[in-house]
Amino acid sequence: MDIERGIRVAVDTGKVILGSNKTIQAIKLGNGELVVIANNAPKTLKDDVEAYSKLSNIPVYTFEGSSVELGSICGKPFTVTTLMIQEPGDSNILEIKE
C-alpha cells in the first residue's frame, strides 16, 4: 500500500485534522481512526501523542519522512508534524493499522 497516496486521498476526500494541538485534542476526545506523526517530530510530542493514543485506543503510524514532506503530501505550503484521520473518505489508509 502506498502510504503517501493514502494520506493525500484521505486529505482530499475524507476528514483530516492537521496540526499537533488539534490532533492531541481530538485524541483526548477519542475522535479519530488513525494518527500519523512525522519522523522528525520532537520527542516530547511523540511521547504525548503515543501516551494519549494508547489511552484512547487510537493507533499511531510514524511516517518515514519529515514534517516538510508530510505537509507537501497533504498539499499544504507548510510543515505538518501530526495529523489525525477522522474519516478516510475514499482512501485505504486505515489498512496500515492492521
PDB file of N, CA and C in Angstrom:
ATOM      1  N   MET A   1       0.834  -1.185   0.000  1.00  0.00           N
ATOM      2  CA  MET A   1       0.000   0.000   0.000  1.00  0.00           C
ATOM      3  C   MET A   1       0.879   1.249   0.000  1.00  0.00           C
ATOM      4  N   ASP A   2       0.500   2.220  -0.797  1.00  0.00           N
ATOM      5  CA  ASP A   2       1.239   3.471  -0.875  1.00  0.00           C
ATOM      6  C   ASP A   2       0.711   4.431   0.195  1.00  0.00           C
ATOM      7  N   ILE A   3       1.483   4.601   1.249  1.00  0.00           N
ATOM      8  CA  ILE A   3       1.078   5.427   2.386  1.00  0.00           C
ATOM      9  C   ILE A   3       0.858   6.874   1.961  1.00  0.00           C
ATOM     10  N   GLU A   4       1.769   7.401   1.150  1.00  0.00           N
ATOM     11  CA  GLU A   4       1.669   8.796   0.734  1.00  0.00           C
ATOM     12  C   GLU A   4       0.377   9.051  -0.036  1.00  0.00           C
ATOM     13  N   ARG A   5       0.059   8.149  -0.944  1.00  0.00           N
ATOM     14  CA  ARG A   5      -1.185   8.295  -1.710  1.00  0.00           C
ATOM     15  C   ARG A   5      -2.393   8.174  -0.793  1.00  0.00           C
ATOM     16  N   GLY A   6      -2.345   7.243   0.150  1.00  0.00           N
ATOM     17  CA  GLY A   6      -3.445   7.066   1.096  1.00  0.00           C
ATOM     18  C   GLY A   6      -3.693   8.319   1.919  1.00  0.00           C
ATOM     19  N   ILE A   7      -2.615   8.959   2.365  1.00  0.00           N
ATOM     20  CA  ILE A   7      -2.746  10.194   3.142  1.00  0.00           C
ATOM     21  C   ILE A   7      -3.360  11.291   2.277  1.00  0.00           C
ATOM     22  N   ARG A   8      -2.864  11.434   1.053  1.00  0.00           N
ATOM     23  CA  ARG A   8      -3.361  12.500   0.165  1.00  0.00           C
ATOM     24  C   ARG A   8      -4.841  12.306  -0.152  1.00  0.00           C
ATOM     25  N   VAL A   9      -5.253  11.078  -0.452  1.00  0.00           N
ATOM     26  CA  VAL A   9      -6.659  10.813  -0.765  1.00  0.00           C
ATOM     27  C   VAL A   9      -7.529  11.087   0.459  1.00  0.00           C
ATOM     28  N   ALA A  10      -7.041  10.727   1.647  1.00  0.00           N
ATOM     29  CA  ALA A  10      -7.794  10.995   2.878  1.00  0.00           C
ATOM     30  C   ALA A  10      -7.959  12.499   3.096  1.00  0.00           C
ATOM     31  N   VAL A  11      -6.907  13.268   2.838  1.00  0.00           N
ATOM     32  CA  VAL A  11      -6.983  14.726   2.993  1.00  0.00           C
ATOM     33  C   VAL A  11      -7.984  15.311   1.992  1.00  0.00           C
ATOM     34  N   ASP A  12      -7.970  14.792   0.761  1.00  0.00           N
ATOM     35  CA  ASP A  12      -8.836  15.330  -0.293  1.00  0.00           C
ATOM     36  C   ASP A  12     -10.294  14.898  -0.161  1.00  0.00           C
ATOM     37  N   THR A  13     -10.551  13.662   0.276  1.00  0.00           N
ATOM     38  CA  THR A  13     -11.922  13.134   0.248  1.00  0.00           C
ATOM     39  C   THR A  13     -12.512  12.836   1.620  1.00  0.00           C
ATOM     40  N   GLY A  14     -11.684  12.817   2.648  1.00  0.00           N
ATOM     41  CA  GLY A  14     -12.175  12.472   3.982  1.00  0.00           C
ATOM     42  C   GLY A  14     -12.136  13.654   4.923  1.00  0.00           C
ATOM     43  N   LYS A  15     -12.073  13.336   6.202  1.00  0.00           N
ATOM     44  CA  LYS A  15     -11.989  14.376   7.234  1.00  0.00           C
ATOM     45  C   LYS A  15     -10.695  14.152   8.002  1.00  0.00           C
ATOM     46  N   VAL A  16      -9.789  15.121   7.892  1.00  0.00           N
ATOM     47  CA  VAL A  16      -8.457  15.008   8.484  1.00  0.00           C
ATOM     48  C   VAL A  16      -8.159  16.276   9.277  1.00  0.00           C
ATOM     49  N   ILE A  17      -7.613  16.092  10.473  1.00  0.00           N
ATOM     50  CA  ILE A  17      -7.187  17.216  11.306  1.00  0.00           C
ATOM     51  C   ILE A  17      -5.677  17.349  11.161  1.00  0.00           C
ATOM     52  N   LEU A  18      -5.221  18.560  10.850  1.00  0.00           N
ATOM     53  CA  LEU A  18      -3.788  18.826  10.720  1.00  0.00           C
ATOM     54  C   LEU A  18      -3.316  19.641  11.911  1.00  0.00           C
ATOM     55  N   GLY A  19      -2.133  19.326  12.398  1.00  0.00           N
ATOM     56  CA  GLY A  19      -1.539  20.107  13.479  1.00  0.00           C
ATOM     57  C   GLY A  19      -1.516  19.366  14.799  1.00  0.00           C
ATOM     58  N   SER A  20      -0.477  19.621  15.554  1.00  0.00           N
ATOM     59  CA  SER A  20      -0.238  18.902  16.807  1.00  0.00           C
ATOM     60  C   SER A  20      -1.283  19.188  17.870  1.00  0.00           C
ATOM     61  N   ASN A  21      -1.584  20.455  18.095  1.00  0.00           N
ATOM     62  CA  ASN A  21      -2.525  20.799  19.166  1.00  0.00           C
ATOM     63  C   ASN A  21      -3.915  20.234  18.912  1.00  0.00           C
ATOM     64  N   LYS A  22      -4.413  20.417  17.698  1.00  0.00           N
ATOM     65  CA  LYS A  22      -5.750  19.912  17.376  1.00  0.00           C
ATOM     66  C   LYS A  22      -5.776  18.386  17.354  1.00  0.00           C
ATOM     67  N   THR A  23      -4.685  17.771  16.919  1.00  0.00           N
ATOM     68  CA  THR A  23      -4.618  16.311  16.908  1.00  0.00           C
ATOM     69  C   THR A  23      -4.657  15.770  18.331  1.00  0.00           C
ATOM     70  N   ILE A  24      -3.874  16.345  19.227  1.00  0.00           N
ATOM     71  CA  ILE A  24      -3.865  15.887  20.621  1.00  0.00           C
ATOM     72  C   ILE A  24      -5.235  16.096  21.257  1.00  0.00           C
ATOM     73  N   GLN A  25      -5.866  17.208  20.948  1.00  0.00           N
ATOM     74  CA  GLN A  25      -7.211  17.474  21.465  1.00  0.00           C
ATOM     75  C   GLN A  25      -8.193  16.397  20.986  1.00  0.00           C
ATOM     76  N   ALA A  26      -8.119  16.036  19.710  1.00  0.00           N
ATOM     77  CA  ALA A  26      -9.007  15.009  19.156  1.00  0.00           C
ATOM     78  C   ALA A  26      -8.703  13.636  19.751  1.00  0.00           C
ATOM     79  N   ILE A  27      -7.424  13.349  20.001  1.00  0.00           N
ATOM     80  CA  ILE A  27      -7.055  12.071  20.616  1.00  0.00           C
ATOM     81  C   ILE A  27      -7.667  11.977  22.005  1.00  0.00           C
ATOM     82  N   LYS A  28      -7.572  13.054  22.773  1.00  0.00           N
ATOM     83  CA  LYS A  28      -8.126  13.055  24.131  1.00  0.00           C
ATOM     84  C   LYS A  28      -9.624  12.785  24.123  1.00  0.00           C
ATOM     85  N   LEU A  29     -10.311  13.265  23.086  1.00  0.00           N
ATOM     86  CA  LEU A  29     -11.752  13.051  22.970  1.00  0.00           C
ATOM     87  C   LEU A  29     -12.086  11.704  22.324  1.00  0.00           C
ATOM     88  N   GLY A  30     -11.064  11.026  21.806  1.00  0.00           N
ATOM     89  CA  GLY A  30     -11.279   9.731  21.165  1.00  0.00           C
ATOM     90  C   GLY A  30     -11.912   9.850  19.793  1.00  0.00           C
ATOM     91  N   ASN A  31     -11.777  11.021  19.168  1.00  0.00           N
ATOM     92  CA  ASN A  31     -12.384  11.275  17.859  1.00  0.00           C
ATOM     93  C   ASN A  31     -11.387  11.023  16.745  1.00  0.00           C
ATOM     94  N   GLY A  32     -11.272   9.803  16.293  1.00  0.00           N
ATOM     95  CA  GLY A  32     -10.377   9.538  15.184  1.00  0.00           C
ATOM     96  C   GLY A  32     -10.112   8.066  14.998  1.00  0.00           C
ATOM     97  N   GLU A  33      -9.561   7.770  13.828  1.00  0.00           N
ATOM     98  CA  GLU A  33      -9.268   6.391  13.453  1.00  0.00           C
ATOM     99  C   GLU A  33      -7.770   6.090  13.473  1.00  0.00           C
ATOM    100  N   LEU A  34      -6.959   7.105  13.130  1.00  0.00           N
ATOM    101  CA  LEU A  34      -5.522   6.880  12.987  1.00  0.00           C
ATOM    102  C   LEU A  34      -4.778   8.200  13.132  1.00  0.00           C
ATOM    103  N   VAL A  35      -3.648   8.169  13.833  1.00  0.00           N
ATOM    104  CA  VAL A  35      -2.771   9.335  13.955  1.00  0.00           C
ATOM    105  C   VAL A  35      -1.516   9.063  13.136  1.00  0.00           C
ATOM    106  N   VAL A  36      -1.105  10.047  12.360  1.00  0.00           N
ATOM    107  CA  VAL A  36       0.143   9.963  11.600  1.00  0.00           C
ATOM    108  C   VAL A  36       1.057  11.051  12.138  1.00  0.00           C
ATOM    109  N   ILE A  37       2.277  10.662  12.491  1.00  0.00           N
ATOM    110  CA  ILE A  37       3.242  11.619  13.038  1.00  0.00           C
ATOM    111  C   ILE A  37       4.530  11.543  12.222  1.00  0.00           C
ATOM    112  N   ALA A  38       5.096  12.701  11.913  1.00  0.00           N
ATOM    113  CA  ALA A  38       6.318  12.762  11.111  1.00  0.00           C
ATOM    114  C   ALA A  38       7.500  12.196  11.893  1.00  0.00           C
ATOM    115  N   ASN A  39       8.439  11.646  11.171  1.00  0.00           N
ATOM    116  CA  ASN A  39       9.615  11.018  11.763  1.00  0.00           C
ATOM    117  C   ASN A  39      10.472  12.013  12.550  1.00  0.00           C
ATOM    118  N   ASN A  40      10.465  13.280  12.139  1.00  0.00           N
ATOM    119  CA  ASN A  40      11.310  14.272  12.800  1.00  0.00           C
ATOM    120  C   ASN A  40      10.565  15.078  13.865  1.00  0.00           C
ATOM    121  N   ALA A  41       9.429  14.586  14.314  1.00  0.00           N
ATOM    122  CA  ALA A  41       8.679  15.283  15.372  1.00  0.00           C
ATOM    123  C   ALA A  41       9.498  15.281  16.661  1.00  0.00           C
ATOM    124  N   PRO A  42       9.374  16.328  17.460  1.00  0.00           N
ATOM    125  CA  PRO A  42      10.098  16.361  18.735  1.00  0.00           C
ATOM    126  C   PRO A  42       9.706  15.185  19.633  1.00  0.00           C
ATOM    127  N   LYS A  43      10.660  14.690  20.389  1.00  0.00           N
ATOM    128  CA  LYS A  43      10.423  13.526  21.239  1.00  0.00           C
ATOM    129  C   LYS A  43       9.279  13.761  22.224  1.00  0.00           C
ATOM    130  N   THR A  44       9.195  14.950  22.776  1.00  0.00           N
ATOM    131  CA  THR A  44       8.117  15.229  23.738  1.00  0.00           C
ATOM    132  C   THR A  44       6.749  15.123  23.069  1.00  0.00           C
ATOM    133  N   LEU A  45       6.653  15.586  21.830  1.00  0.00           N
ATOM    134  CA  LEU A  45       5.393  15.489  21.094  1.00  0.00           C
ATOM    135  C   LEU A  45       5.058  14.028  20.802  1.00  0.00           C
ATOM    136  N   LYS A  46       6.061  13.271  20.352  1.00  0.00           N
ATOM    137  CA  LYS A  46       5.836  11.844  20.084  1.00  0.00           C
ATOM    138  C   LYS A  46       5.361  11.125  21.340  1.00  0.00           C
ATOM    139  N   ASP A  47       6.006  11.418  22.454  1.00  0.00           N
ATOM    140  CA  ASP A  47       5.628  10.775  23.718  1.00  0.00           C
ATOM    141  C   ASP A  47       4.194  11.118  24.108  1.00  0.00           C
ATOM    142  N   ASP A  48       3.820  12.395  23.965  1.00  0.00           N
ATOM    143  CA  ASP A  48       2.456  12.817  24.296  1.00  0.00           C
ATOM    144  C   ASP A  48       1.431  12.129  23.397  1.00  0.00           C
ATOM    145  N   VAL A  49       1.688  12.143  22.100  1.00  0.00           N
ATOM    146  CA  VAL A  49       0.759  11.534  21.143  1.00  0.00           C
ATOM    147  C   VAL A  49       0.605  10.045  21.428  1.00  0.00           C
ATOM    148  N   GLU A  50       1.721   9.361  21.661  1.00  0.00           N
ATOM    149  CA  GLU A  50       1.653   7.920  21.921  1.00  0.00           C
ATOM    150  C   GLU A  50       0.931   7.614  23.227  1.00  0.00           C
ATOM    151  N   ALA A  51       1.158   8.410  24.257  1.00  0.00           N
ATOM    152  CA  ALA A  51       0.502   8.175  25.550  1.00  0.00           C
ATOM    153  C   ALA A  51      -1.005   8.386  25.450  1.00  0.00           C
ATOM    154  N   TYR A  52      -1.417   9.504  24.870  1.00  0.00           N
ATOM    155  CA  TYR A  52      -2.854   9.780  24.737  1.00  0.00           C
ATOM    156  C   TYR A  52      -3.524   8.783  23.789  1.00  0.00           C
ATOM    157  N   SER A  53      -2.824   8.403  22.732  1.00  0.00           N
ATOM    158  CA  SER A  53      -3.388   7.444  21.778  1.00  0.00           C
ATOM    159  C   SER A  53      -3.600   6.083  22.423  1.00  0.00           C
ATOM    160  N   LYS A  54      -2.669   5.705  23.268  1.00  0.00           N
ATOM    161  CA  LYS A  54      -2.801   4.422  23.962  1.00  0.00           C
ATOM    162  C   LYS A  54      -4.035   4.433  24.862  1.00  0.00           C
ATOM    163  N   LEU A  55      -4.268   5.543  25.554  1.00  0.00           N
ATOM    164  CA  LEU A  55      -5.443   5.661  26.422  1.00  0.00           C
ATOM    165  C   LEU A  55      -6.745   5.633  25.625  1.00  0.00           C
ATOM    166  N   SER A  56      -6.714   6.195  24.419  1.00  0.00           N
ATOM    167  CA  SER A  56      -7.922   6.274  23.590  1.00  0.00           C
ATOM    168  C   SER A  56      -8.043   5.120  22.598  1.00  0.00           C
ATOM    169  N   ASN A  57      -7.075   4.206  22.604  1.00  0.00           N
ATOM    170  CA  ASN A  57      -7.061   3.069  21.670  1.00  0.00           C
ATOM    171  C   ASN A  57      -7.089   3.518  20.210  1.00  0.00           C
ATOM    172  N   ILE A  58      -6.316   4.544  19.903  1.00  0.00           N
ATOM    173  CA  ILE A  58      -6.183   5.030  18.531  1.00  0.00           C
ATOM    174  C   ILE A  58      -4.764   4.699  18.071  1.00  0.00           C
ATOM    175  N   PRO A  59      -4.623   3.960  16.969  1.00  0.00           N
ATOM    176  CA  PRO A  59      -3.281   3.594  16.507  1.00  0.00           C
ATOM    177  C   PRO A  59      -2.489   4.801  16.004  1.00  0.00           C
ATOM    178  N   VAL A  60      -1.171   4.709  16.156  1.00  0.00           N
ATOM    179  CA  VAL A  60      -0.260   5.766  15.705  1.00  0.00           C
ATOM    180  C   VAL A  60       0.662   5.177  14.649  1.00  0.00           C
ATOM    181  N   TYR A  61       0.795   5.880  13.526  1.00  0.00           N
ATOM    182  CA  TYR A  61       1.711   5.481  12.468  1.00  0.00           C
ATOM    183  C   TYR A  61       2.794   6.542  12.361  1.00  0.00           C
ATOM    184  N   THR A  62       4.052   6.125  12.429  1.00  0.00           N
ATOM    185  CA  THR A  62       5.164   7.062  12.266  1.00  0.00           C
ATOM    186  C   THR A  62       5.534   7.117  10.791  1.00  0.00           C
ATOM    187  N   PHE A  63       5.293   8.263  10.190  1.00  0.00           N
ATOM    188  CA  PHE A  63       5.604   8.496   8.785  1.00  0.00           C
ATOM    189  C   PHE A  63       7.117   8.576   8.634  1.00  0.00           C
ATOM    190  N   GLU A  64       7.660   7.888   7.655  1.00  0.00           N
ATOM    191  CA  GLU A  64       9.116   7.801   7.495  1.00  0.00           C
ATOM    192  C   GLU A  64       9.758   9.110   7.047  1.00  0.00           C
ATOM    193  N   GLY A  65       8.989  10.019   6.501  1.00  0.00           N
ATOM    194  CA  GLY A  65       9.537  11.283   6.027  1.00  0.00           C
ATOM    195  C   GLY A  65       9.474  12.371   7.082  1.00  0.00           C
ATOM    196  N   SER A  66       9.895  13.554   6.677  1.00  0.00           N
ATOM    197  CA  SER A  66       9.917  14.701   7.588  1.00  0.00           C
ATOM    198  C   SER A  66       8.567  15.415   7.590  1.00  0.00           C
ATOM    199  N   SER A  67       8.446  16.398   8.466  1.00  0.00           N
ATOM    200  CA  SER A  67       7.220  17.191   8.537  1.00  0.00           C
ATOM    201  C   SER A  67       7.041  18.042   7.272  1.00  0.00           C
ATOM    202  N   VAL A  68       8.138  18.417   6.639  1.00  0.00           N
ATOM    203  CA  VAL A  68       8.058  19.163   5.379  1.00  0.00           C
ATOM    204  C   VAL A  68       7.449  18.271   4.299  1.00  0.00           C
ATOM    205  N   GLU A  69       7.920  17.021   4.228  1.00  0.00           N
ATOM    206  CA  GLU A  69       7.387  16.071   3.247  1.00  0.00           C
ATOM    207  C   GLU A  69       5.924  15.753   3.527  1.00  0.00           C
ATOM    208  N   LEU A  70       5.574  15.603   4.797  1.00  0.00           N
ATOM    209  CA  LEU A  70       4.190  15.308   5.163  1.00  0.00           C
ATOM    210  C   LEU A  70       3.281  16.477   4.777  1.00  0.00           C
ATOM    211  N   GLY A  71       3.733  17.692   4.994  1.00  0.00           N
ATOM    212  CA  GLY A  71       2.968  18.867   4.577  1.00  0.00           C
ATOM    213  C   GLY A  71       2.771  18.912   3.072  1.00  0.00           C
ATOM    214  N   SER A  72       3.812  18.582   2.338  1.00  0.00           N
ATOM    215  CA  SER A  72       3.739  18.563   0.880  1.00  0.00           C
ATOM    216  C   SER A  72       2.754  17.502   0.393  1.00  0.00           C
ATOM    217  N   ILE A  73       2.786  16.330   1.004  1.00  0.00           N
ATOM    218  CA  ILE A  73       1.858  15.255   0.637  1.00  0.00           C
ATOM    219  C   ILE A  73       0.414  15.686   0.874  1.00  0.00           C
ATOM    220  N   CYS A  74       0.201  16.443   1.945  1.00  0.00           N
ATOM    221  CA  CYS A  74      -1.146  16.926   2.273  1.00  0.00           C
ATOM    222  C   CYS A  74      -1.570  18.084   1.374  1.00  0.00           C
ATOM    223  N   GLY A  75      -0.649  18.571   0.533  1.00  0.00           N
ATOM    224  CA  GLY A  75      -0.963  19.678  -0.357  1.00  0.00           C
ATOM    225  C   GLY A  75      -0.930  21.023   0.335  1.00  0.00           C
ATOM    226  N   LYS A  76      -0.184  21.110   1.409  1.00  0.00           N
ATOM    227  CA  LYS A  76      -0.112  22.344   2.192  1.00  0.00           C
ATOM    228  C   LYS A  76       1.258  22.995   2.022  1.00  0.00           C
ATOM    229  N   PRO A  77       1.302  24.336   2.038  1.00  0.00           N
ATOM    230  CA  PRO A  77       2.580  25.037   1.889  1.00  0.00           C
ATOM    231  C   PRO A  77       3.304  25.232   3.220  1.00  0.00           C
ATOM    232  N   PHE A  78       3.038  24.363   4.173  1.00  0.00           N
ATOM    233  CA  PHE A  78       3.671  24.461   5.489  1.00  0.00           C
ATOM    234  C   PHE A  78       3.938  23.055   6.016  1.00  0.00           C
ATOM    235  N   THR A  79       4.720  22.981   7.079  1.00  0.00           N
ATOM    236  CA  THR A  79       5.038  21.672   7.651  1.00  0.00           C
ATOM    237  C   THR A  79       3.835  21.117   8.410  1.00  0.00           C
ATOM    238  N   VAL A  80       3.702  19.798   8.383  1.00  0.00           N
ATOM    239  CA  VAL A  80       2.662  19.104   9.143  1.00  0.00           C
ATOM    240  C   VAL A  80       3.366  18.025   9.960  1.00  0.00           C
ATOM    241  N   THR A  81       3.411  18.206  11.261  1.00  0.00           N
ATOM    242  CA  THR A  81       4.089  17.245  12.129  1.00  0.00           C
ATOM    243  C   THR A  81       3.175  16.089  12.497  1.00  0.00           C
ATOM    244  N   THR A  82       1.912  16.396  12.772  1.00  0.00           N
ATOM    245  CA  THR A  82       0.948  15.338  13.093  1.00  0.00           C
ATOM    246  C   THR A  82      -0.366  15.598  12.373  1.00  0.00           C
ATOM    247  N   LEU A  83      -1.056  14.515  12.089  1.00  0.00           N
ATOM    248  CA  LEU A  83      -2.401  14.621  11.547  1.00  0.00           C
ATOM    249  C   LEU A  83      -3.234  13.470  12.071  1.00  0.00           C
ATOM    250  N   MET A  84      -4.533  13.705  12.111  1.00  0.00           N
ATOM    251  CA  MET A  84      -5.481  12.706  12.604  1.00  0.00           C
ATOM    252  C   MET A  84      -6.477  12.402  11.496  1.00  0.00           C
ATOM    253  N   ILE A  85      -6.578  11.133  11.125  1.00  0.00           N
ATOM    254  CA  ILE A  85      -7.586  10.703  10.161  1.00  0.00           C
ATOM    255  C   ILE A  85      -8.864  10.441  10.948  1.00  0.00           C
ATOM    256  N   GLN A  86      -9.881  11.271  10.730  1.00  0.00           N
ATOM    257  CA  GLN A  86     -11.162  11.043  11.393  1.00  0.00           C
ATOM    258  C   GLN A  86     -12.075  10.208  10.507  1.00  0.00           C
ATOM    259  N   GLU A  87     -12.106  10.545   9.226  1.00  0.00           N
ATOM    260  CA  GLU A  87     -12.849   9.767   8.240  1.00  0.00           C
ATOM    261  C   GLU A  87     -11.940   9.627   7.024  1.00  0.00           C
ATOM    262  N   PRO A  88     -11.671   8.399   6.573  1.00  0.00           N
ATOM    263  CA  PRO A  88     -10.715   8.206   5.487  1.00  0.00           C
ATOM    264  C   PRO A  88     -11.227   8.585   4.103  1.00  0.00           C
ATOM    265  N   GLY A  89     -12.521   8.798   3.932  1.00  0.00           N
ATOM    266  CA  GLY A  89     -13.041   9.104   2.604  1.00  0.00           C
ATOM    267  C   GLY A  89     -12.826   7.923   1.682  1.00  0.00           C
ATOM    268  N   ASP A  90     -12.292   8.171   0.494  1.00  0.00           N
ATOM    269  CA  ASP A  90     -12.044   7.116  -0.495  1.00  0.00           C
ATOM    270  C   ASP A  90     -10.692   6.440  -0.296  1.00  0.00           C
ATOM    271  N   SER A  91      -9.981   6.802   0.741  1.00  0.00           N
ATOM    272  CA  SER A  91      -8.637   6.277   0.992  1.00  0.00           C
ATOM    273  C   SER A  91      -8.687   4.918   1.685  1.00  0.00           C
ATOM    274  N   ASN A  92      -7.648   4.135   1.437  1.00  0.00           N
ATOM    275  CA  ASN A  92      -7.498   2.855   2.140  1.00  0.00           C
ATOM    276  C   ASN A  92      -6.420   2.963   3.219  1.00  0.00           C
ATOM    277  N   ILE A  93      -6.207   4.155   3.733  1.00  0.00           N
ATOM    278  CA  ILE A  93      -5.150   4.440   4.710  1.00  0.00           C
ATOM    279  C   ILE A  93      -5.312   3.633   5.991  1.00  0.00           C
ATOM    280  N   LEU A  94      -6.528   3.297   6.355  1.00  0.00           N
ATOM    281  CA  LEU A  94      -6.752   2.587   7.615  1.00  0.00           C
ATOM    282  C   LEU A  94      -6.228   1.153   7.579  1.00  0.00           C
ATOM    283  N   GLU A  95      -5.869   0.659   6.396  1.00  0.00           N
ATOM    284  CA  GLU A  95      -5.300  -0.686   6.290  1.00  0.00           C
ATOM    285  C   GLU A  95      -3.952  -0.793   6.995  1.00  0.00           C
ATOM    286  N   ILE A  96      -3.248   0.311   7.200  1.00  0.00           N
ATOM    287  CA  ILE A  96      -1.929   0.235   7.836  1.00  0.00           C
ATOM    288  C   ILE A  96      -2.021  -0.068   9.317  1.00  0.00           C
ATOM    289  N   LYS A  97      -3.180   0.123   9.920  1.00  0.00           N
ATOM    290  CA  LYS A  97      -3.283  -0.154  11.352  1.00  0.00           C
ATOM    291  C   LYS A  97      -3.503  -1.627  11.638  1.00  0.00           C
ATOM    292  N   GLU A  98      -3.657  -2.432  10.591  1.00  0.00           N
ATOM    293  CA  GLU A  98      -3.850  -3.876  10.781  1.00  0.00           C
ATOM    294  C   GLU A  98      -2.529  -4.611  10.738  1.00  0.00           C
TER     295      GLU A  98
END
